[in-house]
């Protein structure tokens, strides 16, 4: 009986040793396959504001107000007419300056437009690009001049 216990103990130890050797032998244990990648979910489409191809009807007409820039406060005069993207949609001018600008439509939304102002007459004035947004009965003007200055103001319909 002792012999049987010894044999069982010897076989058990041999099995443990063989398992340990297999796990630690050069080359290591058998490679484990990498986990499957998680399924990818396509991104949800994002809603973007409707794009228009012209000046919103609510913004057409003549506007006047003040704009603040690096040189102080300016009286700004603006007239918006119908027009298509990339086309002139009106004129603007700065109070006492002799410069007049052609306003070109660069983009449109239901209550806002993106524009650029190109010098049409006068000298010593810089063009700009910016956004006009309708807020109630007022038109908010924000622009970046060709030399990087920010000009902001609020206009009223005249």
Protein backbone atom coordinates (compact mmCIF):
# COMPACT_ATOMS: atom_id res chain seq x y z
CA UNK A 1 0.00 0.00 0.00
CA UNK A 2 2.86 2.30 0.71
CA UNK A 3 4.09 1.55 -2.68
CA UNK A 4 0.75 2.58 -4.23
CA UNK A 5 0.73 5.90 -2.34
CA UNK A 6 4.26 6.54 -3.44
CA UNK A 7 3.38 5.79 -7.04
CA UNK A 8 0.37 8.12 -6.97
CA UNK A 9 2.51 10.87 -5.42
CA UNK A 10 5.25 10.32 -8.02
CA UNK A 11 2.78 10.43 -10.92
CA UNK A 12 1.14 13.59 -9.53
CA UNK A 13 4.49 15.33 -9.12
CA UNK A 14 5.54 14.27 -12.61
CA UNK A 15 2.33 15.70 -14.07
CA UNK A 16 2.81 19.01 -12.23
CA UNK A 17 6.45 19.21 -13.33
CA UNK A 18 5.54 18.45 -16.95
CA UNK A 19 2.86 21.15 -16.91
CA UNK A 20 5.26 23.67 -15.38
CA UNK A 21 7.95 22.83 -17.94
CA UNK A 22 5.48 23.22 -20.82
CA UNK A 23 4.42 26.63 -19.55
CA UNK A 24 7.96 27.92 -18.99
CA UNK A 25 9.95 26.19 -21.76
CA UNK A 26 11.83 28.34 -24.27
CA UNK A 27 9.24 29.87 -26.60
CA UNK A 28 6.76 29.98 -23.75
CA UNK A 29 3.28 28.63 -23.71
CA UNK A 30 1.28 28.26 -26.86
CA UNK A 31 0.25 31.69 -28.11
CA UNK A 32 -3.17 32.90 -27.21
CA UNK A 33 -5.02 34.48 -30.13
CA UNK A 34 -5.67 38.23 -29.70
CA UNK A 35 -9.17 39.22 -28.74
CA UNK A 36 -11.48 40.10 -31.58
CA UNK A 37 -11.76 43.86 -32.09
CA UNK A 38 -14.92 45.44 -30.83
CA UNK A 39 -17.39 46.14 -33.59
CA UNK A 40 -17.22 49.71 -34.82
CA UNK A 41 -20.29 51.84 -34.97
CA UNK A 42 -20.39 54.37 -37.80
CA UNK A 43 -20.68 57.98 -36.58
CA UNK A 44 -24.12 59.47 -36.55
CA UNK A 45 -24.68 62.19 -39.12
CA UNK A 46 -24.53 65.64 -37.60
CA UNK A 47 -27.20 68.17 -38.32
CA UNK A 48 -25.97 71.27 -40.08
CA UNK A 49 -27.90 74.46 -40.56
CA UNK A 50 -29.69 74.72 -43.85
CA UNK A 51 -27.60 76.40 -46.49
CA UNK A 52 -29.10 79.01 -48.76
CA UNK A 53 -27.87 80.21 -52.10
CA UNK A 54 -28.75 83.87 -51.59
CA UNK A 55 -29.33 86.61 -49.01
CA UNK A 56 -32.21 85.78 -46.65
CA UNK A 57 -35.26 87.96 -47.42
CA UNK A 58 -35.29 89.24 -43.83
CA UNK A 59 -31.84 90.81 -44.29
CA UNK A 60 -32.46 92.73 -47.53
CA UNK A 61 -32.44 96.52 -47.38
CA UNK A 62 -30.46 99.40 -45.95
CA UNK A 63 -28.79 99.24 -42.52
CA UNK A 64 -26.82 101.77 -40.48
CA UNK A 65 -25.08 101.69 -37.11
CA UNK A 66 -21.79 101.82 -35.27
CA UNK A 67 -18.86 99.43 -35.40
CA UNK A 68 -15.92 99.25 -33.01
CA UNK A 69 -12.44 98.60 -34.34
CA UNK A 70 -8.81 99.29 -33.44
CA UNK A 71 -9.11 102.92 -34.57
CA UNK A 72 -12.22 103.63 -32.50
CA UNK A 73 -15.91 103.79 -33.35
CA UNK A 74 -17.06 104.02 -36.97
CA UNK A 75 -20.43 104.76 -38.51
CA UNK A 76 -21.18 101.90 -40.86
CA UNK A 77 -23.64 102.08 -43.75
CA UNK A 78 -24.68 98.86 -45.49
CA UNK A 79 -27.14 98.01 -48.25
CA UNK A 80 -27.96 94.38 -49.00
CA UNK A 81 -29.63 93.30 -52.24
CA UNK A 82 -30.41 89.96 -53.83
CA UNK A 83 -27.52 87.94 -55.16
CA UNK A 84 -26.01 84.48 -55.43
CA UNK A 85 -23.02 82.90 -53.73
CA UNK A 86 -19.77 84.47 -54.89
CA UNK A 87 -21.59 87.48 -56.34
CA UNK A 88 -21.90 91.11 -55.14
CA UNK A 89 -24.93 91.58 -52.90
CA UNK A 90 -24.58 95.23 -52.00
CA UNK A 91 -22.36 98.06 -50.87
CA UNK A 92 -20.96 99.32 -47.61
CA UNK A 93 -19.14 102.38 -46.44
CA UNK A 94 -17.59 103.82 -43.32
CA UNK A 95 -19.09 107.13 -42.15
CA UNK A 96 -16.71 109.96 -42.95
CA UNK A 97 -14.26 107.87 -45.01
CA UNK A 98 -14.44 108.16 -48.76
CA UNK A 99 -14.02 104.40 -49.17
CA UNK A 100 -16.87 102.29 -50.53
CA UNK A 101 -16.88 98.51 -50.60
CA UNK A 102 -18.56 95.89 -52.74
CA UNK A 103 -20.11 93.26 -50.46
CA UNK A 104 -19.79 89.70 -51.83
CA UNK A 105 -21.88 86.77 -50.54
CA UNK A 106 -19.66 83.92 -49.32
CA UNK A 107 -22.31 81.81 -47.52
CA UNK A 108 -25.86 82.04 -46.23
CA UNK A 109 -28.06 80.59 -43.49
CA UNK A 110 -31.68 81.46 -42.61
CA UNK A 111 -30.69 84.43 -40.40
CA UNK A 112 -27.03 85.06 -41.21
CA UNK A 113 -24.61 85.51 -44.08
CA UNK A 114 -20.87 85.24 -44.53
CA UNK A 115 -19.43 88.04 -46.62
CA UNK A 116 -16.30 89.65 -47.94
CA UNK A 117 -15.87 93.36 -48.60
CA UNK A 118 -13.73 94.39 -51.56
CA UNK A 119 -12.61 97.99 -51.95
CA UNK A 120 -14.70 99.53 -54.76
CA UNK A 121 -13.62 103.19 -54.45
CA UNK A 122 -11.36 105.35 -52.31
CA UNK A 123 -7.93 104.66 -50.91
CA UNK A 124 -6.29 103.85 -47.60
CA UNK A 125 -9.05 101.43 -46.56
CA UNK A 126 -8.81 97.67 -46.08
CA UNK A 127 -11.25 95.00 -47.18
CA UNK A 128 -12.58 92.47 -44.73
CA UNK A 129 -14.49 89.23 -44.37
CA UNK A 130 -17.03 88.40 -41.73
CA UNK A 131 -20.54 87.52 -40.66
CA UNK A 132 -23.80 89.42 -40.52
CA UNK A 133 -26.44 87.88 -38.24
CA UNK A 134 -30.01 89.02 -37.70
CA UNK A 135 -30.97 89.36 -34.01
CA UNK A 136 -34.51 90.61 -33.72
CA UNK A 137 -34.63 93.99 -35.47
CA UNK A 138 -30.85 94.43 -35.45
CA UNK A 139 -28.06 93.15 -37.62
CA UNK A 140 -24.84 92.15 -35.86
CA UNK A 141 -21.70 92.86 -37.85
CA UNK A 142 -18.44 91.07 -37.10
CA UNK A 143 -15.47 91.15 -39.45
CA UNK A 144 -11.75 90.57 -39.69
CA UNK A 145 -9.90 93.15 -41.78
CA UNK A 146 -7.17 92.23 -44.25
CA UNK A 147 -4.53 93.21 -41.69
CA UNK A 148 -6.09 91.02 -38.95
CA UNK A 149 -8.06 93.60 -36.92
CA UNK A 150 -11.46 92.69 -35.51
CA UNK A 151 -14.39 95.03 -36.15
CA UNK A 152 -17.76 94.47 -34.45
CA UNK A 153 -20.96 96.44 -34.44
CA UNK A 154 -24.72 96.52 -34.52
CA UNK A 155 -26.83 98.00 -37.31
CA UNK A 156 -30.49 99.05 -37.52
CA UNK A 157 -32.70 99.08 -40.58
CA UNK A 158 -33.16 102.58 -42.08
